[in-house]
Each structure stands twice: as structure tokens, then as C-alpha cells.
């Protein structure tokens, strides 16, 4: 059974460290990490005080049942740039309701 999944990530690096933008690196990492789940992500890029900041919100359905399972997946499949620039994260998983939640069927 799939569970509602909400994952938030914050990535930060010094501006101009490489030719490839942080946004591009994060998007590639998310594609690799969540390719086999029913998840979609939304990313927002900010540049301030010499820093590139990317906020990524990952939403959808996944087979994970706990935050520990998400972390285990990230540790096994996360690329080096994912870990290098990751500054914070938050995971929330909610069991999917069987049937219709509003009518109880």
C-alpha cells in the first residue's frame, strides 16, 4: 500500500562554484532518487549574499512506511552532490486511507 509522502529539502552552496547551477544538480539528484516512486517535486532557487539556495518539495505516494525507510533509501542511492549541498530536510509520511475517507466506505 502506498502512503502520502511529503519530503522537504534545503540545499546551499557558494555561488559560482561550478558551471552547472545548483538547481540543475538538485533536479538530477531528485530524478535519480525518486524515479521509481509516484512522486513529483517542485524546486525554487534563490541567490542571496553569494549563495545559491534551492528548496525542493517532494510530494506524492510512496511505498515507504517510516521516515527511517526514506533515510535508508537516501543513504543508499543519494549521489555525492546531494549530500555535499544538503543543509536540511524534513520527512512526513501518512498512511493512505482504505476506501473513501469522507464516507467511510
N, C-alpha and C. Protein backbone atom coordinates (compact mmCIF):
# COMPACT_ATOMS: atom_id res chain seq x y z
N UNK A 1 0.85 -1.18 0.00
CA UNK A 1 0.00 0.00 0.00
C UNK A 1 0.89 1.24 0.00
N UNK A 2 0.52 2.22 -0.78
CA UNK A 2 1.28 3.47 -0.85
C UNK A 2 0.85 4.43 0.25
N UNK A 3 1.76 5.26 0.65
CA UNK A 3 1.50 6.26 1.69
C UNK A 3 1.72 7.66 1.15
N UNK A 4 0.94 8.62 1.66
CA UNK A 4 1.16 10.00 1.28
C UNK A 4 2.53 10.42 1.78
N UNK A 5 3.30 11.05 0.92
CA UNK A 5 4.69 11.36 1.23
C UNK A 5 4.96 12.83 0.98
N UNK A 6 5.55 13.47 1.98
CA UNK A 6 5.93 14.89 1.91
C UNK A 6 7.37 14.99 2.39
N UNK A 7 8.27 15.33 1.46
CA UNK A 7 9.69 15.46 1.78
C UNK A 7 10.14 16.86 1.40
N UNK A 8 10.81 17.54 2.31
CA UNK A 8 11.32 18.89 2.05
C UNK A 8 12.83 18.88 2.23
N UNK A 9 13.52 19.52 1.29
CA UNK A 9 14.98 19.59 1.32
C UNK A 9 15.44 21.02 1.10
N UNK A 10 16.56 21.38 1.72
CA UNK A 10 17.21 22.67 1.51
C UNK A 10 18.67 22.41 1.15
N UNK A 11 19.07 22.94 -0.01
CA UNK A 11 20.45 22.80 -0.49
C UNK A 11 21.07 24.19 -0.61
N UNK A 12 22.33 24.30 -0.19
CA UNK A 12 23.02 25.59 -0.24
C UNK A 12 24.47 25.37 -0.66
N UNK A 13 24.96 26.28 -1.51
CA UNK A 13 26.39 26.29 -1.85
C UNK A 13 26.79 27.71 -2.22
N UNK A 14 28.08 27.96 -2.22
CA UNK A 14 28.61 29.26 -2.62
C UNK A 14 28.35 29.45 -4.10
N UNK A 15 27.89 30.63 -4.47
CA UNK A 15 27.56 30.95 -5.86
C UNK A 15 28.81 30.88 -6.73
N UNK A 16 28.67 30.28 -7.91
CA UNK A 16 29.76 30.24 -8.88
C UNK A 16 30.79 29.17 -8.62
N UNK A 17 30.47 28.17 -7.80
CA UNK A 17 31.41 27.09 -7.51
C UNK A 17 31.69 26.26 -8.76
N UNK A 18 30.67 26.07 -9.60
CA UNK A 18 30.88 25.31 -10.84
C UNK A 18 30.02 25.91 -11.94
N UNK A 19 30.24 25.43 -13.15
CA UNK A 19 29.48 25.90 -14.31
C UNK A 19 28.01 25.49 -14.19
N UNK A 20 27.75 24.31 -13.68
CA UNK A 20 26.39 23.80 -13.58
C UNK A 20 25.68 24.41 -12.37
N UNK A 21 24.47 24.89 -12.56
CA UNK A 21 23.75 25.51 -11.46
C UNK A 21 23.38 24.48 -10.40
N UNK A 22 23.22 24.95 -9.19
CA UNK A 22 22.79 24.07 -8.11
C UNK A 22 21.40 23.52 -8.41
N UNK A 23 20.54 24.32 -9.00
CA UNK A 23 19.20 23.88 -9.37
C UNK A 23 19.26 22.66 -10.29
N UNK A 24 20.12 22.70 -11.26
CA UNK A 24 20.29 21.58 -12.20
C UNK A 24 20.80 20.34 -11.49
N UNK A 25 21.78 20.51 -10.61
CA UNK A 25 22.33 19.38 -9.86
C UNK A 25 21.26 18.75 -8.97
N UNK A 26 20.47 19.57 -8.30
CA UNK A 26 19.42 19.07 -7.41
C UNK A 26 18.36 18.33 -8.22
N UNK A 27 17.96 18.89 -9.35
CA UNK A 27 16.94 18.24 -10.18
C UNK A 27 17.41 16.87 -10.65
N UNK A 28 18.66 16.76 -11.07
CA UNK A 28 19.22 15.47 -11.50
C UNK A 28 19.24 14.47 -10.34
N UNK A 29 19.62 14.95 -9.16
CA UNK A 29 19.66 14.07 -7.99
C UNK A 29 18.26 13.57 -7.64
N UNK A 30 17.26 14.45 -7.70
CA UNK A 30 15.89 14.05 -7.39
C UNK A 30 15.37 13.05 -8.41
N UNK A 31 15.71 13.25 -9.68
CA UNK A 31 15.30 12.29 -10.71
C UNK A 31 15.87 10.90 -10.39
N UNK A 32 17.12 10.86 -10.01
CA UNK A 32 17.77 9.59 -9.68
C UNK A 32 17.16 8.96 -8.43
N UNK A 33 16.91 9.76 -7.41
CA UNK A 33 16.42 9.25 -6.14
C UNK A 33 14.97 8.76 -6.19
N UNK A 34 14.13 9.45 -6.94
CA UNK A 34 12.70 9.18 -6.86
C UNK A 34 12.09 8.70 -8.17
N UNK A 35 12.93 8.18 -9.05
CA UNK A 35 12.48 7.74 -10.36
C UNK A 35 11.43 6.63 -10.29
N UNK A 36 11.48 5.78 -9.30
CA UNK A 36 10.59 4.61 -9.24
C UNK A 36 9.45 4.78 -8.24
N UNK A 37 9.18 5.97 -7.81
CA UNK A 37 8.07 6.24 -6.90
C UNK A 37 7.07 7.15 -7.60
N UNK A 38 5.88 7.24 -7.07
CA UNK A 38 4.86 8.13 -7.62
C UNK A 38 4.99 9.49 -6.97
N UNK A 39 6.16 10.10 -7.15
CA UNK A 39 6.46 11.38 -6.51
C UNK A 39 6.77 12.44 -7.55
N UNK A 40 6.42 13.66 -7.23
CA UNK A 40 6.73 14.82 -8.05
C UNK A 40 7.43 15.84 -7.16
N UNK A 41 8.25 16.67 -7.75
CA UNK A 41 8.94 17.67 -6.94
C UNK A 41 8.84 19.04 -7.58
N UNK A 42 8.94 20.00 -6.70
CA UNK A 42 8.89 21.40 -7.07
C UNK A 42 10.12 22.05 -6.45
N UNK A 43 10.87 22.77 -7.25
CA UNK A 43 12.09 23.39 -6.75
C UNK A 43 12.03 24.89 -6.94
N UNK A 44 12.63 25.58 -6.00
CA UNK A 44 12.71 27.04 -6.06
C UNK A 44 14.15 27.42 -5.79
N UNK A 45 14.69 28.30 -6.62
CA UNK A 45 16.08 28.74 -6.50
C UNK A 45 16.12 30.20 -6.06
N UNK A 46 17.04 30.47 -5.14
CA UNK A 46 17.27 31.85 -4.69
C UNK A 46 18.78 32.08 -4.68
N UNK A 47 19.17 33.30 -4.97
CA UNK A 47 20.58 33.68 -4.87
C UNK A 47 20.65 34.89 -3.97
N UNK A 48 21.42 34.75 -2.88
CA UNK A 48 21.49 35.84 -1.91
C UNK A 48 22.83 35.78 -1.18
N UNK A 49 23.43 36.94 -1.02
CA UNK A 49 24.69 37.06 -0.26
C UNK A 49 25.76 36.08 -0.71
N UNK A 50 25.88 35.88 -2.04
CA UNK A 50 26.91 35.00 -2.57
C UNK A 50 26.59 33.52 -2.47
N UNK A 51 25.34 33.18 -2.15
CA UNK A 51 24.94 31.78 -2.01
C UNK A 51 23.85 31.42 -3.00
N UNK A 52 23.89 30.18 -3.45
CA UNK A 52 22.79 29.60 -4.22
C UNK A 52 22.00 28.75 -3.24
N UNK A 53 20.70 28.95 -3.19
CA UNK A 53 19.83 28.21 -2.29
C UNK A 53 18.74 27.56 -3.12
N UNK A 54 18.55 26.26 -2.94
CA UNK A 54 17.47 25.56 -3.64
C UNK A 54 16.62 24.85 -2.59
N UNK A 55 15.33 25.16 -2.64
CA UNK A 55 14.35 24.49 -1.79
C UNK A 55 13.61 23.50 -2.67
N UNK A 56 13.55 22.24 -2.26
CA UNK A 56 12.85 21.21 -3.03
C UNK A 56 11.74 20.61 -2.17
N UNK A 57 10.55 20.58 -2.73
CA UNK A 57 9.40 19.96 -2.08
C UNK A 57 9.02 18.74 -2.92
N UNK A 58 9.06 17.56 -2.30
CA UNK A 58 8.74 16.31 -2.98
C UNK A 58 7.41 15.83 -2.41
N UNK A 59 6.44 15.55 -3.30
CA UNK A 59 5.10 15.20 -2.88
C UNK A 59 4.58 14.03 -3.70
N UNK A 60 3.71 13.22 -3.09
CA UNK A 60 3.06 12.15 -3.83
C UNK A 60 2.86 10.92 -2.97
N UNK A 61 2.89 9.76 -3.63
CA UNK A 61 2.68 8.49 -2.96
C UNK A 61 3.96 7.66 -3.05
N UNK A 62 4.28 6.98 -1.96
CA UNK A 62 5.47 6.12 -1.95
C UNK A 62 5.17 4.85 -1.17
N UNK A 63 6.06 3.89 -1.29
CA UNK A 63 5.92 2.62 -0.58
C UNK A 63 6.54 2.68 0.82
N UNK A 64 7.23 3.76 1.14
CA UNK A 64 7.86 3.86 2.45
C UNK A 64 6.81 4.00 3.53
N UNK A 65 7.09 3.39 4.68
CA UNK A 65 6.15 3.45 5.80
C UNK A 65 6.67 4.25 6.98
N UNK A 66 7.93 4.68 6.91
CA UNK A 66 8.51 5.45 8.01
C UNK A 66 9.59 6.38 7.49
N UNK A 67 9.91 7.38 8.31
CA UNK A 67 10.98 8.30 7.97
C UNK A 67 12.32 7.57 7.88
N UNK A 68 12.50 6.53 8.71
CA UNK A 68 13.73 5.74 8.67
C UNK A 68 13.92 5.05 7.32
N UNK A 69 12.82 4.58 6.73
CA UNK A 69 12.91 3.94 5.42
C UNK A 69 13.30 4.96 4.34
N UNK A 70 12.78 6.17 4.44
CA UNK A 70 13.16 7.23 3.50
C UNK A 70 14.65 7.52 3.63
N UNK A 71 15.11 7.70 4.85
CA UNK A 71 16.52 7.99 5.09
C UNK A 71 17.41 6.86 4.59
N UNK A 72 17.00 5.62 4.81
CA UNK A 72 17.76 4.48 4.33
C UNK A 72 17.87 4.51 2.80
N UNK A 73 16.77 4.83 2.13
CA UNK A 73 16.78 4.94 0.66
C UNK A 73 17.74 6.05 0.22
N UNK A 74 17.67 7.20 0.87
CA UNK A 74 18.55 8.31 0.51
C UNK A 74 20.01 7.95 0.72
N UNK A 75 20.31 7.28 1.82
CA UNK A 75 21.70 6.90 2.11
C UNK A 75 22.24 5.91 1.08
N UNK A 76 21.38 5.02 0.60
CA UNK A 76 21.82 4.01 -0.36
C UNK A 76 21.95 4.55 -1.78
N UNK A 77 21.11 5.52 -2.15
CA UNK A 77 21.07 5.95 -3.55
C UNK A 77 21.46 7.41 -3.79
N UNK A 78 21.64 8.19 -2.75
CA UNK A 78 21.98 9.61 -2.91
C UNK A 78 23.38 9.80 -3.46
N UNK A 79 23.51 10.65 -4.48
CA UNK A 79 24.82 10.92 -5.07
C UNK A 79 25.62 11.88 -4.17
N UNK A 80 26.89 12.03 -4.47
CA UNK A 80 27.75 12.85 -3.61
C UNK A 80 27.33 14.31 -3.57
N UNK A 81 26.87 14.87 -4.72
CA UNK A 81 26.47 16.28 -4.71
C UNK A 81 25.19 16.48 -3.90
N UNK A 82 24.33 15.47 -3.85
CA UNK A 82 23.13 15.56 -3.00
C UNK A 82 23.54 15.78 -1.55
N UNK A 83 24.47 14.97 -1.08
CA UNK A 83 24.91 15.06 0.32
C UNK A 83 25.80 16.27 0.57
N UNK A 84 26.58 16.65 -0.43
CA UNK A 84 27.51 17.78 -0.27
C UNK A 84 26.76 19.09 -0.01
N UNK A 85 25.65 19.29 -0.69
CA UNK A 85 24.94 20.56 -0.61
C UNK A 85 23.69 20.52 0.28
N UNK A 86 23.30 19.35 0.73
CA UNK A 86 22.12 19.25 1.59
C UNK A 86 22.40 19.90 2.94
N UNK A 87 21.53 20.83 3.33
CA UNK A 87 21.70 21.54 4.60
C UNK A 87 20.58 21.23 5.59
N UNK A 88 19.46 20.71 5.09
CA UNK A 88 18.36 20.40 5.98
C UNK A 88 17.28 19.62 5.25
N UNK A 89 16.50 18.85 6.01
CA UNK A 89 15.42 18.09 5.41
C UNK A 89 14.34 17.81 6.46
N UNK A 90 13.16 17.51 5.95
CA UNK A 90 12.03 17.16 6.82
C UNK A 90 11.19 16.13 6.08
N UNK A 91 10.80 15.06 6.77
CA UNK A 91 10.01 13.99 6.15
C UNK A 91 8.70 13.84 6.91
N UNK A 92 7.61 13.68 6.16
CA UNK A 92 6.31 13.37 6.75
C UNK A 92 5.64 12.32 5.87
N UNK A 93 5.25 11.21 6.49
CA UNK A 93 4.56 10.13 5.79
C UNK A 93 3.24 9.87 6.51
N UNK A 94 2.18 9.72 5.71
CA UNK A 94 0.86 9.47 6.27
C UNK A 94 0.27 8.25 5.60
N UNK A 95 -0.22 7.29 6.40
CA UNK A 95 -0.83 6.09 5.80
C UNK A 95 -2.01 6.46 4.91
N UNK A 96 -2.06 5.82 3.76
CA UNK A 96 -3.19 6.05 2.86
C UNK A 96 -4.43 5.40 3.47
N UNK A 97 -5.54 6.08 3.35
CA UNK A 97 -6.80 5.57 3.87
C UNK A 97 -7.36 4.53 2.90
N UNK A 98 -7.93 3.47 3.46
CA UNK A 98 -8.61 2.50 2.61
C UNK A 98 -10.00 3.04 2.31
N UNK A 99 -10.39 2.95 1.08
CA UNK A 99 -11.72 3.40 0.71
C UNK A 99 -11.83 4.91 0.76
N UNK A 100 -13.01 5.38 0.90
CA UNK A 100 -13.29 6.82 0.91
C UNK A 100 -13.20 7.35 2.34
N UNK A 101 -12.33 8.29 2.57
CA UNK A 101 -12.15 8.83 3.92
C UNK A 101 -13.35 9.61 4.42
N UNK A 102 -14.09 10.23 3.52
CA UNK A 102 -15.20 11.07 3.97
C UNK A 102 -16.48 10.28 4.21
N UNK A 103 -16.67 9.17 3.50
CA UNK A 103 -17.92 8.43 3.69
C UNK A 103 -17.72 7.12 4.44
N UNK A 104 -16.47 6.73 4.65
CA UNK A 104 -16.18 5.53 5.43
C UNK A 104 -16.31 4.22 4.68
N UNK A 105 -16.47 4.26 3.35
CA UNK A 105 -16.59 3.01 2.60
C UNK A 105 -15.25 2.51 2.18
